[in-house]
Every structure is written in structure tokens, then in C-alpha cells.
Protein backbone atom coordinates (compact mmCIF):
# COMPACT_ATOMS: atom_id res chain seq x y z
CA UNK A 1 16.20 19.64 -6.99
CA UNK A 2 14.99 19.96 -3.48
CA UNK A 3 15.39 16.80 -1.36
CA UNK A 4 13.03 16.28 1.58
CA UNK A 5 12.71 13.44 4.11
CA UNK A 6 9.53 11.97 5.45
CA UNK A 7 8.37 8.96 7.38
CA UNK A 8 6.13 6.60 5.47
CA UNK A 9 3.67 6.68 8.38
CA UNK A 10 3.06 10.41 7.88
CA UNK A 11 0.40 11.34 5.33
CA UNK A 12 1.46 11.80 1.74
CA UNK A 13 0.92 15.38 0.55
CA UNK A 14 1.02 17.00 -2.92
CA UNK A 15 3.98 19.16 -1.76
CA UNK A 16 6.00 15.93 -1.37
CA UNK A 17 6.67 15.87 -5.07
CA UNK A 18 8.14 12.65 -6.29
CA UNK A 19 8.12 10.18 -3.45
CA UNK A 20 10.87 7.50 -3.25
CA UNK A 21 10.72 4.70 -0.65
CA UNK A 22 14.30 4.04 0.45
CA UNK A 23 13.89 0.97 2.65
CA UNK A 24 14.79 -2.52 1.60
CA UNK A 25 11.62 -4.00 3.22
CA UNK A 26 8.11 -2.72 2.68
CA UNK A 27 6.98 -0.84 5.89
CA UNK A 28 4.68 -2.80 8.11
CA UNK A 29 1.04 -1.83 8.20
CA UNK A 30 1.24 0.59 5.31
CA UNK A 31 -0.76 -0.04 2.15
CA UNK A 32 0.65 0.86 -1.26
CA UNK A 33 -2.17 3.31 -1.67
CA UNK A 34 -1.49 5.07 1.61
CA UNK A 35 2.27 5.20 0.91
CA UNK A 36 1.73 6.87 -2.38
CA UNK A 37 5.24 5.85 -3.57
CA UNK A 38 6.38 6.79 -7.02
CA UNK A 39 9.55 4.66 -6.86
CA UNK A 40 10.86 1.99 -4.55
CA UNK A 41 14.67 2.32 -4.64
CA UNK A 42 15.74 -0.90 -2.82
CA UNK A 43 19.18 -0.98 -4.52
CA UNK A 44 20.45 2.16 -2.63
CA UNK A 45 19.43 0.89 0.83
CA UNK A 46 21.80 -0.72 3.28
CA UNK A 47 22.65 -4.32 2.61
CA UNK A 48 20.90 -6.84 4.63
CA UNK A 49 24.00 -7.53 6.70
CA UNK A 50 24.52 -3.75 7.40
CA UNK A 51 20.85 -3.25 8.18
CA UNK A 52 20.83 -6.18 10.68
CA UNK A 53 24.08 -4.94 12.30
CA UNK A 54 22.64 -1.44 12.68
CA UNK A 55 19.41 -2.67 14.28
CA UNK A 56 21.45 -4.68 16.80
CA UNK A 57 23.74 -1.69 17.65
CA UNK A 58 23.31 1.21 20.04
CA UNK A 59 22.78 4.77 18.90
CA UNK A 60 26.34 5.45 20.08
CA UNK A 61 27.58 3.48 17.12
CA UNK A 62 25.80 5.66 14.55
CA UNK A 63 28.99 7.21 13.10
CA UNK A 64 30.51 3.84 12.44
CA UNK A 65 27.33 2.69 10.72
CA UNK A 66 27.14 5.92 8.63
CA UNK A 67 30.70 5.47 7.40
CA UNK A 68 30.06 1.87 6.38
CA UNK A 69 26.86 2.75 4.62
CA UNK A 70 28.53 5.73 2.80
CA UNK A 71 31.25 3.28 1.69
CA UNK A 72 28.57 0.90 0.40
CA UNK A 73 26.92 3.72 -1.55
CA UNK A 74 30.17 4.81 -3.14
CA UNK A 75 31.28 1.28 -4.07
CA UNK A 76 28.95 -1.65 -4.30
CA UNK A 77 25.78 0.48 -4.73
CA UNK A 78 27.43 3.22 -6.93
CA UNK A 79 25.61 2.18 -10.13
CA UNK A 80 22.28 2.23 -8.39
CA UNK A 81 23.02 5.64 -6.91
CA UNK A 82 23.95 6.93 -10.34
CA UNK A 83 20.73 5.52 -11.82
CA UNK A 84 18.64 7.04 -8.94
CA UNK A 85 20.25 10.44 -9.49
CA UNK A 86 19.34 10.26 -13.19
CA UNK A 87 15.76 9.26 -12.37
CA UNK A 88 15.31 12.01 -9.86
CA UNK A 89 16.92 14.83 -11.94
CA UNK A 90 13.75 15.96 -13.85
CA UNK A 91 11.83 16.40 -10.52
CA UNK A 92 11.92 19.70 -8.75
CA UNK A 93 10.93 18.16 -5.32
CA UNK A 94 11.83 14.69 -4.19
CA UNK A 95 10.81 13.24 -0.85
CA UNK A 96 12.82 10.30 0.42
CA UNK A 97 10.42 8.17 2.37
CA UNK A 98 11.48 5.81 5.12
CA UNK A 99 10.07 3.73 7.98
CA UNK A 100 12.57 4.23 10.78
CA UNK A 101 11.24 5.59 14.05
CA UNK A 102 14.58 7.41 14.70
CA UNK A 103 14.45 10.56 12.54
CA UNK A 104 18.06 11.44 13.22
CA UNK A 105 20.04 8.22 13.19
CA UNK A 106 18.98 6.49 10.05
CA UNK A 107 20.36 5.59 6.69
CA UNK A 108 18.18 8.18 4.86
CA UNK A 109 20.27 11.01 6.22
CA UNK A 110 23.43 9.45 4.74
CA UNK A 111 21.64 8.77 1.38
CA UNK A 112 20.48 12.37 1.30
CA UNK A 113 23.97 13.65 1.73
CA UNK A 114 25.31 11.39 -1.02
CA UNK A 115 22.54 12.33 -3.42
CA UNK A 116 23.16 16.08 -2.69
CA UNK A 117 26.85 15.85 -3.54
């Protein structure tokens, strides 16, 4: 399976394959039709507490956040991660869709690493 990343604000394309929204909250200003999401995987997103802490933090704290999120994925969210892997397995191309403006320092990069392991 090939995993791709894409912002929800970018146009959906047939080459995206199976599109999975990996944000806990629906992105502002984006209709469901425009988002063209096949699955909304809320259960593998950062907890509300972790999400709020990250939004209040500086980019310098990214590594700390990434470690905490990975821990969450490996423990509290482990059943949801396993279920997501199972759901994605039949798809040759999967695009993880997210709303964050920062394309480098965001939870989707950590999730992608975990799903690739």
C-alpha cells in the first residue's frame, strides 16, 4: 500500500485513491462533497487534550508532541490503529487527509510512520 498525505483544502483527485480524513474535527469551510472523504478516522487522531496542548505550543516543541502522540497511538489508540490498518489493507493507494496549515509539523506525519511500520 502506498500512503500519501494531502491537505483537505487541496482538490481531491482520482490518483488519491482511498481518502481518509485524520482530524478529530471537521475542517472549517470544506463541504463533504468537496472533501471527497471515504473514511473519517477520528479514533486515531490526537486526543482533545493533546491537540489543544499542541496548538498552544511552539514549533520547537514538535518532538515532544510527536513522542506523546506516538505513545497514544501505541497504547490508548492501538485498537483503532489496528482496525484502520485492516480497513486500508485492500487499497493500493491511501491518502491521509488533514487540515493543518503546517505540512511538516503535524500529527499526520507521525500517524503515517506508525501505519507504515
